[in-house]
Amino acid sequence: MKKTILALTFFLYISVAFAQKKVILDTDPSFDPDDVGCMAMLQHMATNDECHILAIVNSTNQKESALSISAINSFYNRPAIPVGDYKGYPNKIHANENTYDFHIAKDYPRSLKKWEESLDGVKLYREILESAKDSSITVVIIGTMHNFYGLLKSQPDELSAKTGWELVKQKVEQVVTMGGNFLKNKGLDRTNWGGSEILCPYTEWSCLNEERNRMCRYVIENCPAPFVASGWENGNGDYYNANNGNVMTGQGLKKLPKNHIARVSYEKHFAYRGGAEDIDRHSNDQIALHYAIRGEGENYKAFTSGKITLTPSGECTWIPQQKGIQGHIQKVREDDQIAGEIERLMMGEVPKIDKTPPSAPQNLGWTVDGAIQWNPAMDDTKGSWVVGYNIYSNGNLIRRVHGTKFRSKLLDQSATYVVKSINASGMESAPSTLRPR
């Protein structure tokens, strides 16, 4: 009986400590492998039922970046997780062989066959948020702000009658981002938010990028949801003589099989930088994700009632304000202890593919403006969840959507439609049929 009580207590503790999050990950896999480290962590935490991954969105201008995300989802037996991509670049380029996304996209199976099949990142945000419950979505941005900037600027369309700003205000619980620098509440950004003019003589890749800086300033000044940053000082705290220690992870991946996608990503990254024996790297992105899913815990202290300012030259400040909804986190645990927890998550087992179908969508009907809508379907299998719905007409798949509504000029209310839910593993539910009006 005592063991039963202890087991129940532990279960309740885990349930409270790690409340399940509905997550959209916005990332930039290509140049630094910590993005893959984050995706490995997120997949493992999803297996633990700590979160559901609603989408992973790429912000780079490289075609292989979105393809590498698709390969990672497939490696973790969740090929149906939707992959978004920022479509606002004037030109998309191919990755070169010095980046790991080139190799991952080339060497691993993926559900996306070509880059053009990736979804428009801003539209994917809008579609998911439109059907989400209020204050239910956690957005984690470990790349640049391109997609989220586009979301905030977006106007009503066929996906939602709301602006992007309105969707974020209503549906987003919290935005957690890696970027800025808040050691002693003031510092210089390195690159995600645009870098810093002052750092140009120090290192080229930390130099000011005006486009990134402009987009990030807009997001900071206009985001209506709680906004929390994990600055460079947490993962790479000795950069630019900050003397704040470094959280280093990656070397443990050497214990994984040689073809493990996370290990290969790290080894490819370092192979082009002098050798792949030592693959430890600063854990900037992982810390932001770690906090976003698990909160402060023993590792971090959050300062959340205030205002962040980013200048056009890349200087960051945080000022406490009684009604402020912006903040930052600082690490409070020893670097190696945080690193150990993060690395164990990065090395989590690959889940078996879920072969149990989710429930079918219920209560299909027509809206007054001619859209099809239904109630959300469920998936009771641990580590599995519904990521979308397939719409069929005359036995043909006409669209996969990632909300609970489908609007199209092609819809005919005199026709019969079938809707099936689909989980992260790609399993379809039984059909639900909508008869002609």
Protein backbone atom coordinates (compact mmCIF):
# COMPACT_ATOMS: atom_id res chain seq x y z
CA MET A 1 0.00 0.00 0.00
CA LYS A 2 2.85 2.36 0.87
CA LYS A 3 4.46 1.76 -2.53
CA THR A 4 1.14 2.50 -4.23
CA ILE A 5 0.79 5.79 -2.35
CA LEU A 6 4.38 6.76 -3.19
CA ALA A 7 3.85 5.91 -6.85
CA LEU A 8 0.65 7.97 -6.94
CA THR A 9 2.36 10.89 -5.21
CA PHE A 10 5.21 10.76 -7.73
CA PHE A 11 2.74 10.65 -10.63
CA LEU A 12 0.85 13.66 -9.29
CA TYR A 13 4.12 15.52 -8.77
CA ILE A 14 5.18 14.89 -12.35
CA SER A 15 1.73 15.92 -13.62
CA VAL A 16 1.85 19.22 -11.73
CA ALA A 17 5.53 19.93 -12.37
CA PHE A 18 5.34 19.26 -16.11
CA ALA A 19 1.88 20.34 -17.22
CA GLN A 20 1.39 19.35 -20.84
CA LYS A 21 2.19 22.15 -23.30
CA LYS A 22 0.85 22.69 -26.82
CA VAL A 23 3.97 23.83 -28.62
CA ILE A 24 4.91 25.50 -31.88
CA LEU A 25 8.70 25.45 -32.32
CA ASP A 26 10.17 28.17 -34.55
CA THR A 27 13.76 27.27 -35.40
CA ASP A 28 16.64 27.84 -37.85
CA PRO A 29 18.47 24.54 -38.39
CA SER A 30 21.49 24.85 -40.63
CA PHE A 31 24.51 26.56 -39.13
CA ASP A 32 24.39 25.51 -35.47
CA PRO A 33 23.40 21.99 -34.34
CA ASP A 34 21.79 23.11 -31.10
CA ASP A 35 18.55 23.45 -33.09
CA VAL A 36 18.65 19.68 -33.66
CA GLY A 37 19.47 19.26 -29.98
CA CYS A 38 16.27 21.18 -29.21
CA MET A 39 14.19 19.07 -31.55
CA ALA A 40 15.60 15.91 -29.97
CA MET A 41 14.70 17.26 -26.52
CA LEU A 42 11.22 18.22 -27.65
CA GLN A 43 10.57 14.82 -29.21
CA HIS A 44 11.61 13.10 -25.98
CA MET A 45 9.49 15.39 -23.82
CA ALA A 46 6.56 14.68 -26.16
CA THR A 47 7.11 10.96 -25.63
CA ASN A 48 6.90 11.68 -21.88
CA ASP A 49 3.58 13.48 -22.51
CA GLU A 50 5.03 16.77 -21.29
CA CYS A 51 4.06 18.45 -24.55
CA HIS A 52 2.38 18.06 -27.92
CA ILE A 53 4.31 19.38 -30.91
CA LEU A 54 1.74 21.14 -33.09
CA ALA A 55 4.22 22.33 -35.71
CA ILE A 56 7.89 23.03 -36.34
CA VAL A 57 8.59 26.12 -38.44
CA ASN A 58 11.86 27.05 -40.19
CA SER A 59 13.10 30.64 -40.45
CA THR A 60 16.27 30.24 -42.59
CA ASN A 61 16.58 31.00 -46.31
CA GLN A 62 17.97 27.52 -47.06
CA LYS A 63 15.76 24.97 -48.80
CA GLU A 64 17.28 22.04 -46.95
CA SER A 65 16.41 23.44 -43.52
CA ALA A 66 12.72 22.57 -43.79
CA LEU A 67 13.63 19.21 -45.33
CA SER A 68 15.94 18.44 -42.41
CA ILE A 69 13.09 19.16 -39.96
CA SER A 70 10.93 16.69 -41.88
CA ALA A 71 13.74 14.12 -41.66
CA ILE A 72 14.04 14.62 -37.90
CA ASN A 73 10.28 14.20 -37.42
CA SER A 74 10.42 11.00 -39.47
CA PHE A 75 13.43 9.71 -37.53
CA TYR A 76 11.40 10.04 -34.32
CA ASN A 77 8.47 8.22 -35.97
CA ARG A 78 6.30 11.34 -36.11
CA PRO A 79 6.38 12.16 -39.83
CA ALA A 80 3.00 13.91 -39.83
CA ILE A 81 4.05 16.84 -37.61
CA PRO A 82 3.54 19.79 -39.97
CA VAL A 83 6.64 21.63 -41.18
CA GLY A 84 6.35 25.34 -41.93
CA ASP A 85 8.81 27.55 -43.73
CA TYR A 86 9.26 31.30 -44.04
CA LYS A 87 8.19 32.14 -47.59
CA GLY A 88 9.04 35.84 -47.51
CA TYR A 89 12.64 35.62 -48.69
CA PRO A 90 13.19 37.02 -52.21
CA ASN A 91 15.25 33.92 -52.99
CA LYS A 92 15.65 30.54 -51.35
CA ILE A 93 19.12 29.03 -51.69
CA HIS A 94 20.50 25.53 -51.39
CA ALA A 95 22.56 24.69 -48.31
CA ASN A 96 26.20 23.89 -48.93
CA GLU A 97 28.03 20.79 -47.76
CA ASN A 98 29.44 22.61 -44.74
CA THR A 99 26.02 22.61 -43.06
CA TYR A 100 24.46 19.59 -41.41
CA ASP A 101 20.98 20.26 -42.84
CA PHE A 102 22.41 19.50 -46.31
CA HIS A 103 23.41 16.00 -45.15
CA ILE A 104 20.33 15.30 -43.04
CA ALA A 105 18.02 16.24 -45.91
CA LYS A 106 20.03 14.09 -48.33
CA ASP A 107 20.70 10.99 -46.23
CA TYR A 108 17.56 10.41 -44.12
CA PRO A 109 13.97 9.49 -45.06
CA ARG A 110 11.46 12.34 -44.85
CA SER A 111 7.81 12.93 -45.60
CA LEU A 112 8.55 16.17 -47.47
CA LYS A 113 9.90 15.17 -50.86
CA LYS A 114 10.86 18.69 -51.90
CA TRP A 115 11.14 22.08 -50.27
CA GLU A 116 8.11 23.47 -52.09
CA GLU A 117 5.88 21.05 -50.17
CA SER A 118 6.64 22.81 -46.87
CA LEU A 119 3.78 24.95 -45.60
CA ASP A 120 3.82 28.72 -45.42
CA GLY A 121 5.03 29.33 -41.86
CA VAL A 122 2.86 32.40 -41.21
CA LYS A 123 -0.28 30.69 -42.55
CA LEU A 124 0.47 27.58 -40.50
CA TYR A 125 0.66 29.73 -37.36
CA ARG A 126 -2.68 31.34 -38.26
CA GLU A 127 -4.41 28.05 -38.97
CA ILE A 128 -3.32 26.44 -35.71
CA LEU A 129 -4.07 29.48 -33.56
CA GLU A 130 -7.54 30.02 -35.07
CA SER A 131 -8.79 26.65 -33.73
CA ALA A 132 -6.80 26.62 -30.48
CA LYS A 133 -8.32 27.19 -27.06
CA ASP A 134 -7.69 30.59 -25.52
CA SER A 135 -4.26 31.04 -23.91
CA SER A 136 -3.29 27.46 -24.76
CA ILE A 137 -0.30 27.73 -27.12
CA THR A 138 3.37 28.00 -26.16
CA VAL A 139 5.51 29.46 -28.93
CA VAL A 140 9.25 28.74 -28.67
CA ILE A 141 11.46 30.78 -31.00
CA ILE A 142 15.08 29.62 -31.13
CA GLY A 143 15.82 31.12 -34.54
CA THR A 144 15.10 34.51 -36.03
CA MET A 145 11.80 36.37 -35.79
CA HIS A 146 10.84 36.19 -39.49
CA ASN A 147 7.77 33.97 -39.08
CA PHE A 148 6.48 35.51 -35.87
CA TYR A 149 6.99 39.01 -37.26
CA GLY A 150 4.95 37.95 -40.30
CA LEU A 151 2.28 36.52 -38.01
CA LEU A 152 1.90 39.75 -36.01
CA LYS A 153 1.67 41.76 -39.23
CA SER A 154 -0.82 39.38 -40.88
CA GLN A 155 -4.35 40.48 -41.74
CA PRO A 156 -7.67 38.56 -41.82
CA ASP A 157 -7.83 35.89 -44.52
CA GLU A 158 -9.56 32.61 -45.39
CA LEU A 159 -7.95 30.99 -42.33
CA SER A 160 -9.16 33.48 -39.72
CA ALA A 161 -11.22 36.65 -39.51
CA LYS A 162 -8.74 37.92 -36.92
CA THR A 163 -5.47 39.75 -37.42
CA GLY A 164 -2.28 37.98 -36.35
CA TRP A 165 -1.98 40.35 -33.39
CA GLU A 166 -5.49 39.39 -32.27
CA LEU A 167 -4.75 35.67 -32.63
CA VAL A 168 -1.58 35.96 -30.55
CA LYS A 169 -3.33 37.99 -27.85
CA GLN A 170 -6.20 35.51 -27.58
CA LYS A 171 -4.56 32.12 -28.16
CA VAL A 172 -0.91 32.31 -27.04
CA GLU A 173 -0.10 31.57 -23.40
CA GLN A 174 3.55 32.54 -23.67
CA VAL A 175 6.32 33.26 -26.16
CA VAL A 176 9.75 32.02 -25.08
CA THR A 177 12.69 33.04 -27.23
CA MET A 178 16.43 32.57 -27.31
CA GLY A 179 18.06 35.92 -27.90
CA GLY A 180 19.24 39.14 -26.39
CA ASN A 181 21.57 39.50 -23.44
CA PHE A 182 20.33 40.39 -19.97
CA LEU A 183 23.28 39.89 -17.66
CA LYS A 184 22.75 42.60 -15.04
CA ASN A 185 19.65 43.51 -17.09
CA LYS A 186 21.71 44.96 -19.93
CA GLY A 187 23.89 43.49 -22.67
CA LEU A 188 24.63 43.09 -26.37
CA ASP A 189 22.76 40.64 -28.60
CA ARG A 190 24.93 38.28 -30.63
CA THR A 191 22.91 37.22 -33.66
CA ASN A 192 19.32 35.92 -33.25
CA TRP A 193 17.91 39.37 -32.63
CA GLY A 194 20.26 41.00 -35.13
CA GLY A 195 23.59 41.07 -33.35
CA SER A 196 25.22 44.25 -32.18
CA GLU A 197 27.00 47.10 -33.90
CA ILE A 198 29.50 47.16 -31.06
CA LEU A 199 30.46 43.51 -31.65
CA CYS A 200 31.41 44.02 -35.32
CA PRO A 201 35.14 44.36 -34.57
CA TYR A 202 34.96 41.40 -32.18
CA THR A 203 33.50 38.77 -34.51
CA GLU A 204 31.84 39.02 -37.92
CA TRP A 205 28.93 36.67 -37.17
CA SER A 206 27.85 38.76 -34.17
CA CYS A 207 27.79 41.95 -36.21
CA LEU A 208 24.56 43.86 -36.66
CA ASN A 209 22.00 42.45 -39.12
CA GLU A 210 19.57 45.28 -39.68
CA GLU A 211 16.70 43.12 -41.01
CA ARG A 212 16.77 40.77 -38.02
CA ASN A 213 17.07 43.71 -35.65
CA ARG A 214 14.13 45.53 -37.24
CA MET A 215 11.87 42.46 -37.13
CA CYS A 216 12.79 41.66 -33.56
CA ARG A 217 12.21 45.23 -32.39
CA TYR A 218 8.75 45.11 -33.95
CA VAL A 219 7.96 41.82 -32.17
CA ILE A 220 9.19 43.09 -28.81
CA GLU A 221 7.27 46.35 -29.13
CA ASN A 222 4.02 44.79 -30.39
CA CYS A 223 3.70 41.23 -29.02
CA PRO A 224 0.51 41.17 -26.88
CA ALA A 225 1.32 37.82 -25.22
CA PRO A 226 3.72 37.29 -22.30
CA PHE A 227 7.23 37.34 -23.79
CA VAL A 228 10.24 35.75 -22.04
CA ALA A 229 13.81 35.72 -23.35
CA SER A 230 16.74 33.49 -22.49
CA GLY A 231 19.80 35.56 -23.32
CA TRP A 232 23.20 34.48 -24.57
CA GLU A 233 24.62 34.82 -21.08
CA ASN A 234 22.86 31.63 -19.95
CA GLY A 235 24.36 29.15 -22.41
CA ASN A 236 27.45 30.99 -23.58
CA GLY A 237 28.15 33.15 -20.57
CA ASP A 238 31.87 33.65 -21.11
CA TYR A 239 31.35 35.30 -24.50
CA TYR A 240 32.71 38.84 -24.74
CA ASN A 241 34.25 38.60 -21.26
CA ALA A 242 30.93 38.21 -19.47
CA ASN A 243 32.39 35.70 -16.98
CA ASN A 244 29.08 33.92 -16.50
CA GLY A 245 30.09 30.32 -17.28
CA ASN A 246 29.09 28.02 -20.15
CA VAL A 247 26.45 25.25 -20.33
CA MET A 248 28.07 22.73 -22.69
CA THR A 249 26.22 19.75 -24.20
CA GLY A 250 26.66 17.39 -27.12
CA GLN A 251 29.53 15.08 -26.26
CA GLY A 252 27.15 12.54 -24.73
CA LEU A 253 25.62 12.04 -28.19
CA LYS A 254 28.72 9.97 -28.98
CA LYS A 255 27.08 7.19 -26.93
CA LEU A 256 24.19 7.00 -29.40
CA PRO A 257 24.26 4.81 -32.54
CA LYS A 258 26.50 6.21 -35.25
CA ASN A 259 23.54 6.89 -37.53
CA HIS A 260 21.46 8.67 -34.88
CA ILE A 261 20.27 11.88 -36.48
CA ALA A 262 21.23 14.12 -33.55
CA ARG A 263 24.73 12.65 -33.29
CA VAL A 264 25.28 12.94 -37.04
CA SER A 265 24.11 16.57 -37.04
CA TYR A 266 26.62 17.52 -34.35
CA GLU A 267 29.44 15.54 -35.95
CA LYS A 268 28.82 17.03 -39.39
CA HIS A 269 28.81 20.52 -37.89
CA PHE A 270 32.14 20.02 -36.16
CA ALA A 271 33.74 18.02 -38.97
CA TYR A 272 33.87 21.18 -41.06
CA ARG A 273 35.31 23.15 -38.16
CA GLY A 274 38.40 21.13 -37.43
CA GLY A 275 37.21 17.70 -36.26
CA ALA A 276 34.30 15.71 -34.90
CA GLU A 277 35.85 14.18 -31.77
CA ASP A 278 34.88 17.00 -29.42
CA ILE A 279 31.26 17.91 -30.18
CA ASP A 280 30.35 19.83 -27.03
CA ARG A 281 28.64 23.11 -27.78
CA HIS A 282 27.05 26.00 -25.93
CA SER A 283 23.43 25.22 -25.09
CA ASN A 284 21.78 28.53 -25.82
CA ASP A 285 18.72 27.24 -27.67
CA GLN A 286 18.27 24.24 -25.40
CA ILE A 287 18.04 26.42 -22.30
CA ALA A 288 15.20 28.46 -23.80
CA LEU A 289 13.30 25.29 -24.74
CA HIS A 290 14.06 23.67 -21.37
CA TYR A 291 12.50 26.61 -19.55
CA ALA A 292 9.56 26.87 -21.97
CA ILE A 293 8.43 23.31 -21.24
CA ARG A 294 9.55 22.74 -17.64
CA GLY A 295 9.54 26.24 -16.20
CA GLU A 296 11.96 27.51 -13.57
CA GLY A 297 12.40 24.29 -11.58
CA GLU A 298 15.79 24.10 -9.92
CA ASN A 299 17.58 25.54 -12.94
CA TYR A 300 16.30 29.05 -13.62
CA LYS A 301 14.91 32.22 -12.12
CA ALA A 302 12.38 34.10 -14.25
CA PHE A 303 12.03 37.88 -14.13
CA THR A 304 8.72 38.38 -15.90
CA SER A 305 7.12 41.67 -14.84
CA GLY A 306 8.90 44.22 -16.93
CA LYS A 307 9.72 45.63 -20.33
CA ILE A 308 12.45 44.67 -22.82
CA THR A 309 14.05 47.27 -25.04
CA LEU A 310 16.20 46.47 -28.09
CA THR A 311 17.96 49.39 -29.77
CA PRO A 312 18.71 49.64 -33.51
CA SER A 313 22.37 49.05 -32.65
CA GLY A 314 21.68 45.78 -30.77
CA GLU A 315 21.76 46.81 -27.11
CA CYS A 316 19.26 45.01 -24.83
CA THR A 317 17.80 46.21 -21.56
CA TRP A 318 15.14 44.93 -19.18
CA ILE A 319 13.36 47.26 -16.78
CA PRO A 320 10.97 45.96 -14.08
CA GLN A 321 7.42 47.28 -14.44
CA GLN A 322 4.44 46.42 -12.28
CA LYS A 323 2.16 45.65 -15.25
CA GLY A 324 4.87 44.50 -17.63
CA ILE A 325 4.48 41.17 -19.46
CA GLN A 326 8.03 40.87 -20.78
CA GLY A 327 10.95 39.28 -19.03
CA HIS A 328 14.02 37.10 -19.10
CA ILE A 329 15.47 34.13 -17.27
CA GLN A 330 18.80 33.60 -15.54
CA LYS A 331 20.35 30.29 -14.62
CA VAL A 332 20.66 29.60 -10.89
CA ARG A 333 22.01 26.05 -10.88
CA GLU A 334 25.55 24.88 -11.62
CA ASP A 335 26.36 24.76 -15.32
CA ASP A 336 27.20 21.05 -15.38
CA GLN A 337 23.94 20.14 -13.61
CA ILE A 338 21.84 22.03 -16.16
CA ALA A 339 23.94 20.53 -18.95
CA GLY A 340 23.41 17.00 -17.62
CA GLU A 341 19.63 17.40 -17.54
CA ILE A 342 19.54 18.87 -21.04
CA GLU A 343 21.86 16.25 -22.52
CA ARG A 344 19.79 13.40 -21.10
CA LEU A 345 16.77 14.86 -22.86
CA MET A 346 18.74 15.18 -26.09
CA MET A 347 19.64 11.49 -25.82
CA GLY A 348 16.11 10.23 -25.15
CA GLU A 349 14.97 7.03 -26.84
CA VAL A 350 13.33 7.13 -30.23
CA PRO A 351 9.65 6.20 -29.65
CA LYS A 352 8.02 3.33 -31.48
CA ILE A 353 5.60 4.39 -34.17
CA ASP A 354 2.06 4.73 -32.84
CA LYS A 355 -0.15 2.37 -34.86
CA THR A 356 -3.34 3.16 -32.91
CA PRO A 357 -5.68 5.50 -34.80
CA PRO A 358 -6.94 8.63 -33.09
CA SER A 359 -10.65 9.23 -32.59
CA ALA A 360 -12.74 10.47 -35.50
CA PRO A 361 -13.78 14.14 -35.63
CA GLN A 362 -17.31 14.73 -34.40
CA ASN A 363 -20.19 17.08 -35.17
CA LEU A 364 -19.27 17.96 -38.73
CA GLY A 365 -21.32 20.82 -40.09
CA TRP A 366 -21.48 23.84 -42.35
CA THR A 367 -20.85 27.34 -41.02
CA VAL A 368 -23.01 30.25 -42.13
CA ASP A 369 -20.19 31.47 -44.38
CA GLY A 370 -19.80 28.13 -46.16
CA ALA A 371 -16.91 26.45 -44.30
CA ILE A 372 -16.81 22.93 -42.88
CA GLN A 373 -16.12 22.71 -39.15
CA TRP A 374 -15.99 19.97 -36.52
CA ASN A 375 -15.06 19.28 -32.92
CA PRO A 376 -11.42 18.39 -32.16
CA ALA A 377 -10.49 14.70 -32.26
CA MET A 378 -8.48 13.04 -29.48
CA ASP A 379 -5.63 10.56 -29.22
CA ASP A 380 -5.41 8.77 -25.86
CA THR A 381 -2.10 7.00 -26.56
CA LYS A 382 0.73 8.34 -24.43
CA GLY A 383 3.17 10.33 -26.53
CA SER A 384 0.70 10.73 -29.38
CA TRP A 385 -1.67 13.50 -30.42
CA VAL A 386 -3.72 14.79 -33.34
CA VAL A 387 -1.78 17.09 -35.69
CA GLY A 388 -4.29 17.59 -38.49
CA TYR A 389 -7.28 16.47 -40.51
CA ASN A 390 -7.52 15.05 -44.02
CA ILE A 391 -10.44 16.28 -46.14
CA TYR A 392 -11.74 13.93 -48.84
CA SER A 393 -14.18 14.37 -51.69
CA ASN A 394 -15.20 11.44 -53.90
CA GLY A 395 -12.47 9.37 -52.29
CA ASN A 396 -9.75 11.89 -53.18
CA LEU A 397 -7.68 13.79 -50.64
CA ILE A 398 -8.22 17.48 -51.34
CA ARG A 399 -6.47 19.06 -48.36
CA ARG A 400 -4.83 18.45 -45.02
CA VAL A 401 -5.68 21.16 -42.51
CA HIS A 402 -4.24 21.86 -39.05
CA GLY A 403 -7.29 23.32 -37.37
CA THR A 404 -10.92 22.33 -37.00
CA LYS A 405 -12.27 24.35 -39.91
CA PHE A 406 -11.86 24.19 -43.68
CA ARG A 407 -12.84 27.03 -45.97
CA SER A 408 -12.33 26.96 -49.73
CA LYS A 409 -13.96 28.47 -52.81
CA LEU A 410 -14.02 24.92 -54.19
CA LEU A 411 -16.38 23.62 -51.50
CA ASP A 412 -19.75 22.53 -52.83
CA GLN A 413 -22.57 22.22 -50.28
CA SER A 414 -24.35 19.75 -52.55
CA ALA A 415 -21.41 17.33 -52.33
CA THR A 416 -20.44 14.75 -49.69
CA TYR A 417 -17.20 15.25 -47.74
CA VAL A 418 -15.26 12.92 -45.45
CA VAL A 419 -12.95 14.15 -42.68
CA LYS A 420 -10.38 11.96 -40.92
CA SER A 421 -8.12 13.03 -38.07
CA ILE A 422 -4.43 12.16 -38.28
CA ASN A 423 -1.92 11.79 -35.46
CA ALA A 424 1.79 12.63 -35.34
CA SER A 425 2.72 9.15 -36.57
CA GLY A 426 0.48 9.56 -39.62
CA MET A 427 -2.30 7.19 -38.53
CA GLU A 428 -5.75 8.14 -39.79
CA SER A 429 -8.97 7.84 -37.83
CA ALA A 430 -12.21 6.31 -38.96
CA PRO A 431 -14.11 8.60 -41.32
CA SER A 432 -16.68 11.19 -40.38
CA THR A 433 -19.05 12.11 -43.19
CA LEU A 434 -20.73 15.39 -44.00
CA ARG A 435 -23.76 14.88 -46.24
CA PRO A 436 -25.07 17.48 -48.70
CA ARG A 437 -27.13 20.30 -47.24
